[in-house]
N, C-alpha and C. Protein backbone atom coordinates (compact mmCIF):
# COMPACT_ATOMS: atom_id res chain seq x y z
N MET A 1 105.69 -33.74 259.60
CA MET A 1 105.51 -34.62 260.55
C MET A 1 105.30 -36.09 260.10
N LYS A 2 106.06 -36.98 260.66
CA LYS A 2 106.01 -38.32 260.13
C LYS A 2 104.85 -39.04 260.91
N VAL A 3 104.20 -39.98 260.08
CA VAL A 3 103.11 -40.84 260.63
C VAL A 3 103.72 -42.00 261.43
N THR A 4 103.44 -42.21 262.68
CA THR A 4 103.96 -43.30 263.38
C THR A 4 102.94 -44.47 263.59
N THR A 5 101.73 -44.16 263.42
CA THR A 5 100.61 -45.24 263.56
C THR A 5 100.52 -46.06 262.35
N ASN A 6 100.94 -45.62 261.26
CA ASN A 6 100.79 -46.37 259.98
C ASN A 6 102.16 -46.93 259.57
N THR A 7 103.00 -47.42 260.44
CA THR A 7 104.26 -47.99 259.98
C THR A 7 103.99 -49.27 259.21
N LEU A 8 104.65 -49.37 258.08
CA LEU A 8 104.52 -50.55 257.23
C LEU A 8 105.73 -51.48 257.24
N ARG A 9 105.58 -52.76 257.16
CA ARG A 9 106.71 -53.61 257.14
C ARG A 9 107.26 -53.74 255.73
N HIS A 10 108.53 -54.40 255.76
CA HIS A 10 109.19 -54.71 254.48
C HIS A 10 108.36 -55.71 253.62
N ASN A 11 108.52 -55.63 252.44
CA ASN A 11 108.00 -56.58 251.40
C ASN A 11 109.06 -57.36 250.79
N PHE A 12 109.29 -58.60 251.32
CA PHE A 12 110.48 -59.39 251.06
C PHE A 12 110.30 -60.33 249.80
N ALA A 13 111.37 -60.39 249.00
CA ALA A 13 111.58 -61.49 248.17
C ALA A 13 112.64 -62.35 248.78
N ILE A 14 112.41 -63.72 248.72
CA ILE A 14 113.21 -64.65 249.54
C ILE A 14 113.99 -65.58 248.58
N TRP A 15 115.28 -65.76 248.69
CA TRP A 15 116.16 -66.70 247.92
C TRP A 15 116.68 -67.72 248.87
N VAL A 16 116.74 -68.96 248.43
CA VAL A 16 117.44 -70.05 249.20
C VAL A 16 118.91 -70.04 248.77
N MET A 17 119.80 -69.85 249.80
CA MET A 17 121.23 -69.79 249.53
C MET A 17 122.01 -71.07 249.71
N GLY A 18 121.33 -72.13 250.24
CA GLY A 18 122.01 -73.32 250.36
C GLY A 18 122.58 -73.47 251.77
N ARG A 19 123.20 -74.62 252.05
CA ARG A 19 123.83 -74.88 253.32
C ARG A 19 125.29 -74.68 253.42
N LYS A 20 125.86 -74.25 254.58
CA LYS A 20 127.29 -74.24 254.63
C LYS A 20 127.76 -75.80 254.71
N PRO A 21 129.06 -75.93 254.47
CA PRO A 21 129.59 -77.32 254.56
C PRO A 21 129.61 -77.74 256.04
N GLY A 22 129.37 -78.99 256.28
CA GLY A 22 129.35 -79.59 257.63
C GLY A 22 128.02 -80.25 257.95
N TRP A 23 128.02 -80.91 259.08
CA TRP A 23 126.88 -81.64 259.56
C TRP A 23 125.93 -80.74 260.25
N PHE A 24 124.62 -80.97 260.02
CA PHE A 24 123.56 -80.29 260.70
C PHE A 24 123.51 -78.80 260.51
N GLN A 25 124.05 -78.25 259.46
CA GLN A 25 124.07 -76.83 259.19
C GLN A 25 122.66 -76.36 258.73
N PRO A 26 122.09 -75.20 259.22
CA PRO A 26 120.81 -74.76 258.83
C PRO A 26 120.83 -74.34 257.38
N GLN A 27 119.60 -74.38 256.73
CA GLN A 27 119.32 -73.76 255.47
C GLN A 27 119.53 -72.26 255.58
N ARG A 28 120.21 -71.67 254.65
CA ARG A 28 120.41 -70.11 254.73
C ARG A 28 119.41 -69.50 253.64
N TYR A 29 118.97 -68.23 254.00
CA TYR A 29 118.09 -67.60 253.13
C TYR A 29 118.58 -66.14 253.02
N MET A 30 118.20 -65.55 251.88
CA MET A 30 118.47 -64.09 251.75
C MET A 30 117.14 -63.42 251.51
N TYR A 31 116.85 -62.49 252.35
CA TYR A 31 115.58 -61.69 252.35
C TYR A 31 115.97 -60.34 251.73
N ARG A 32 115.33 -59.85 250.72
CA ARG A 32 115.59 -58.56 250.11
C ARG A 32 114.28 -57.75 249.95
N CYS A 33 114.24 -56.67 250.58
CA CYS A 33 112.96 -55.76 250.52
C CYS A 33 112.83 -55.27 249.07
N LEU A 34 111.66 -55.36 248.51
CA LEU A 34 111.45 -54.86 247.13
C LEU A 34 111.35 -53.44 247.13
N ARG A 35 111.06 -52.76 248.21
CA ARG A 35 110.81 -51.27 248.18
C ARG A 35 112.20 -50.52 248.47
N CYS A 36 112.86 -50.91 249.67
CA CYS A 36 114.00 -50.21 250.08
C CYS A 36 115.25 -50.84 249.63
N LYS A 37 115.25 -52.04 249.14
CA LYS A 37 116.44 -52.76 248.61
C LYS A 37 117.44 -53.14 249.76
N TRP A 38 116.97 -53.21 251.06
CA TRP A 38 117.83 -53.77 252.01
C TRP A 38 117.84 -55.23 251.93
N SER A 39 118.95 -55.88 252.36
CA SER A 39 119.06 -57.27 252.27
C SER A 39 119.48 -57.92 253.67
N PHE A 40 118.98 -59.02 253.93
CA PHE A 40 119.20 -59.74 255.24
C PHE A 40 119.56 -61.18 254.93
N VAL A 41 120.50 -61.77 255.70
CA VAL A 41 120.77 -63.15 255.48
C VAL A 41 120.38 -63.85 256.86
N ILE A 42 119.53 -64.92 256.69
CA ILE A 42 118.97 -65.55 257.82
C ILE A 42 119.71 -66.95 257.86
N ASN A 43 119.96 -67.38 259.14
CA ASN A 43 120.65 -68.65 259.49
C ASN A 43 122.04 -68.77 259.03
N ASP A 44 122.72 -67.59 258.89
CA ASP A 44 124.10 -67.69 258.32
C ASP A 44 125.03 -68.27 259.40
N GLU A 45 125.14 -67.60 260.56
CA GLU A 45 126.14 -68.11 261.60
C GLU A 45 125.56 -69.39 262.40
N ARG A 46 124.30 -69.26 262.73
CA ARG A 46 123.61 -70.32 263.47
C ARG A 46 122.06 -70.24 263.19
N ARG A 47 121.41 -71.24 263.65
CA ARG A 47 119.98 -71.30 263.32
C ARG A 47 119.27 -70.18 263.99
N GLY A 48 118.48 -69.39 263.28
CA GLY A 48 117.67 -68.22 263.84
C GLY A 48 118.48 -66.90 263.85
N SER A 49 119.64 -66.87 263.28
CA SER A 49 120.45 -65.59 263.25
C SER A 49 120.09 -64.79 262.07
N VAL A 50 120.10 -63.45 262.23
CA VAL A 50 119.81 -62.45 261.25
C VAL A 50 121.09 -61.54 261.07
N ARG A 51 121.50 -61.47 259.82
CA ARG A 51 122.69 -60.62 259.55
C ARG A 51 122.32 -59.76 258.40
N VAL A 52 122.86 -58.45 258.37
CA VAL A 52 122.61 -57.50 257.33
C VAL A 52 123.58 -57.76 256.21
N ALA A 53 123.07 -57.92 255.02
CA ALA A 53 124.05 -57.93 253.91
C ALA A 53 124.38 -56.58 253.45
N ALA A 54 125.61 -56.23 253.64
CA ALA A 54 126.10 -54.86 253.36
C ALA A 54 125.96 -54.53 251.94
N ASP A 55 125.21 -53.49 251.67
CA ASP A 55 125.09 -52.96 250.23
C ASP A 55 126.01 -51.75 250.03
N THR A 56 126.45 -51.25 251.14
CA THR A 56 127.52 -50.25 251.07
C THR A 56 128.86 -50.67 251.76
N PRO A 57 130.08 -50.32 251.15
CA PRO A 57 131.37 -50.82 251.67
C PRO A 57 131.64 -50.44 253.08
N GLY A 58 131.33 -49.26 253.56
CA GLY A 58 131.68 -48.77 254.82
C GLY A 58 130.44 -48.78 255.88
N MET A 59 129.59 -49.77 255.94
CA MET A 59 128.43 -49.76 256.82
C MET A 59 128.99 -49.86 258.29
N THR A 60 128.43 -49.00 259.12
CA THR A 60 128.75 -48.97 260.51
C THR A 60 127.93 -50.01 261.26
N ALA A 61 128.41 -50.30 262.50
CA ALA A 61 127.71 -51.15 263.43
C ALA A 61 126.31 -50.61 263.76
N GLU A 62 126.29 -49.25 263.98
CA GLU A 62 124.95 -48.59 264.35
C GLU A 62 123.96 -48.70 263.19
N GLU A 63 124.43 -48.59 261.92
CA GLU A 63 123.58 -48.76 260.80
C GLU A 63 123.08 -50.19 260.76
N GLU A 64 123.96 -51.15 260.95
CA GLU A 64 123.51 -52.57 260.92
C GLU A 64 122.47 -52.84 261.95
N SER A 65 122.67 -52.34 263.19
CA SER A 65 121.65 -52.64 264.31
C SER A 65 120.43 -51.87 263.97
N ARG A 66 120.40 -50.69 263.37
CA ARG A 66 119.18 -49.98 263.03
C ARG A 66 118.43 -50.76 261.98
N ARG A 67 119.09 -51.43 260.97
CA ARG A 67 118.47 -52.15 259.93
C ARG A 67 117.80 -53.45 260.49
N ILE A 68 118.64 -54.11 261.34
CA ILE A 68 118.08 -55.34 262.01
C ILE A 68 116.82 -55.09 262.80
N ALA A 69 116.76 -53.94 263.51
CA ALA A 69 115.63 -53.60 264.29
C ALA A 69 114.35 -53.47 263.51
N THR A 70 114.53 -53.23 262.22
CA THR A 70 113.29 -53.00 261.34
C THR A 70 112.91 -54.29 260.65
N PHE A 71 113.63 -55.36 260.80
CA PHE A 71 113.45 -56.64 260.02
C PHE A 71 112.11 -57.17 260.20
N THR A 72 111.60 -57.38 261.42
CA THR A 72 110.34 -58.06 261.69
C THR A 72 109.14 -57.24 261.59
N ASP A 73 109.19 -55.97 262.17
CA ASP A 73 107.93 -55.14 262.24
C ASP A 73 108.05 -53.81 261.49
N GLY A 74 109.15 -53.54 260.93
CA GLY A 74 109.33 -52.34 260.11
C GLY A 74 109.68 -51.16 261.00
N PRO A 75 109.68 -49.97 260.56
CA PRO A 75 109.11 -49.52 259.32
C PRO A 75 110.07 -49.65 258.23
N CYS A 76 109.62 -49.93 257.06
CA CYS A 76 110.42 -49.85 255.85
C CYS A 76 110.65 -48.53 255.40
N PRO A 77 111.99 -48.13 255.25
CA PRO A 77 112.17 -46.72 254.77
C PRO A 77 111.55 -46.40 253.31
N GLY A 78 111.17 -47.42 252.61
CA GLY A 78 110.53 -47.18 251.34
C GLY A 78 109.13 -46.66 251.46
N TYR A 79 108.65 -46.77 252.69
CA TYR A 79 107.23 -46.42 252.96
C TYR A 79 107.08 -44.99 253.67
N GLU A 80 108.15 -44.34 253.78
CA GLU A 80 108.20 -43.03 254.62
C GLU A 80 107.37 -41.96 253.80
N TYR A 81 106.50 -41.38 254.43
CA TYR A 81 105.74 -40.36 253.78
C TYR A 81 105.29 -39.23 254.75
N GLU A 82 104.92 -38.18 254.27
CA GLU A 82 104.42 -36.98 255.11
C GLU A 82 102.94 -37.24 255.42
N ALA A 83 102.64 -36.78 256.51
CA ALA A 83 101.14 -36.98 257.00
C ALA A 83 100.29 -36.04 256.07
N GLU A 84 100.75 -34.93 255.65
CA GLU A 84 99.91 -34.02 254.83
C GLU A 84 99.60 -34.67 253.43
N ALA A 85 100.43 -35.57 252.98
CA ALA A 85 100.35 -36.11 251.60
C ALA A 85 99.32 -37.20 251.55
N LEU A 86 98.76 -37.67 252.61
CA LEU A 86 97.85 -38.71 252.61
C LEU A 86 96.42 -38.13 252.37
N PRO A 87 95.75 -38.65 251.25
CA PRO A 87 94.40 -38.27 251.06
C PRO A 87 93.41 -38.65 252.18
N GLU A 88 92.35 -38.02 252.35
CA GLU A 88 91.38 -38.33 253.47
C GLU A 88 90.52 -39.55 253.18
N ASN A 89 90.40 -40.01 251.98
CA ASN A 89 89.58 -41.10 251.69
C ASN A 89 90.35 -42.46 251.61
N VAL A 90 91.57 -42.55 252.00
CA VAL A 90 92.40 -43.77 251.94
C VAL A 90 92.33 -44.34 253.27
N LEU A 91 91.90 -45.66 253.37
CA LEU A 91 91.93 -46.40 254.61
C LEU A 91 93.16 -47.30 254.68
N PRO A 92 93.70 -47.45 255.86
CA PRO A 92 94.90 -48.31 256.05
C PRO A 92 94.38 -49.77 255.86
N LEU A 93 95.25 -50.61 255.34
CA LEU A 93 94.91 -51.95 255.06
C LEU A 93 94.87 -52.86 256.37
N ARG A 94 95.79 -52.51 257.27
CA ARG A 94 95.79 -53.33 258.51
C ARG A 94 94.73 -52.89 259.47
N PRO A 95 93.98 -53.79 260.02
CA PRO A 95 92.72 -53.46 260.89
C PRO A 95 93.25 -52.76 262.13
N ASN A 96 94.42 -53.05 262.75
CA ASN A 96 94.82 -52.44 263.89
C ASN A 96 95.26 -50.94 263.68
N ASN A 97 95.32 -50.48 262.41
CA ASN A 97 95.77 -49.09 262.18
C ASN A 97 94.51 -48.23 261.79
N ARG A 98 93.34 -48.97 261.63
CA ARG A 98 92.12 -48.21 261.23
C ARG A 98 91.42 -47.48 262.42
N ASN A 99 90.81 -46.41 262.15
CA ASN A 99 89.99 -45.70 263.21
C ASN A 99 88.76 -46.47 263.39
N SER A 100 88.07 -46.21 264.43
CA SER A 100 86.73 -46.92 264.71
C SER A 100 85.74 -46.48 263.71
N ARG A 101 84.78 -47.35 263.43
CA ARG A 101 83.74 -47.05 262.34
C ARG A 101 82.87 -45.91 262.76
N SER A 102 82.51 -45.07 261.84
CA SER A 102 81.69 -44.00 261.95
C SER A 102 80.28 -44.29 261.45
N ALA A 103 79.31 -43.44 261.66
CA ALA A 103 77.95 -43.73 261.09
C ALA A 103 77.95 -43.64 259.59
N ARG A 104 78.84 -42.92 259.01
CA ARG A 104 79.02 -42.83 257.54
C ARG A 104 79.46 -44.15 257.00
N ASP A 105 80.44 -44.79 257.65
CA ASP A 105 80.93 -46.05 257.24
C ASP A 105 79.89 -47.11 257.34
N ALA A 106 79.05 -47.08 258.32
CA ALA A 106 77.96 -48.07 258.51
C ALA A 106 76.97 -48.09 257.46
N ARG A 107 76.64 -46.85 256.99
CA ARG A 107 75.65 -46.72 255.86
C ARG A 107 76.22 -47.41 254.59
N ALA A 108 77.53 -47.21 254.41
CA ALA A 108 78.16 -47.69 253.16
C ALA A 108 78.12 -49.25 253.02
N VAL A 109 77.99 -49.93 254.14
CA VAL A 109 78.02 -51.37 254.20
C VAL A 109 76.74 -52.04 253.84
C-alpha cells in the first residue's frame, strides 16, 4: 500500500541556460531532480512555460503530462516507499503531514 499523505516534492538543482535570440526573451532555466533525475526546462517557449526535457527518445505525450503534473507539488518517484517500511519513530518533516501531538510528545518537550 502506497502512502499518499507523505508525498514529497522533487529536490531540484537549477542551471541557467541563457536567453534565446531576440528582444525581450525570458531567461531559461533547467531544473533537474537530484533523486529521480527528471529534467524540466522553464521559460523555453514563453515566460512561465514548463517543458519536460526528454531523457528517453520515445517519450509519449501522456508521460510528459504526468511528469509536468508532479513539477510543483510532487510526488517525486524517487521518494516512493511502502507503508510497512516506515519505522514508527520517524516523524515527517513537513508540519502539515504530522499527526497531532500526544501526551508522550508533550513530555519530551
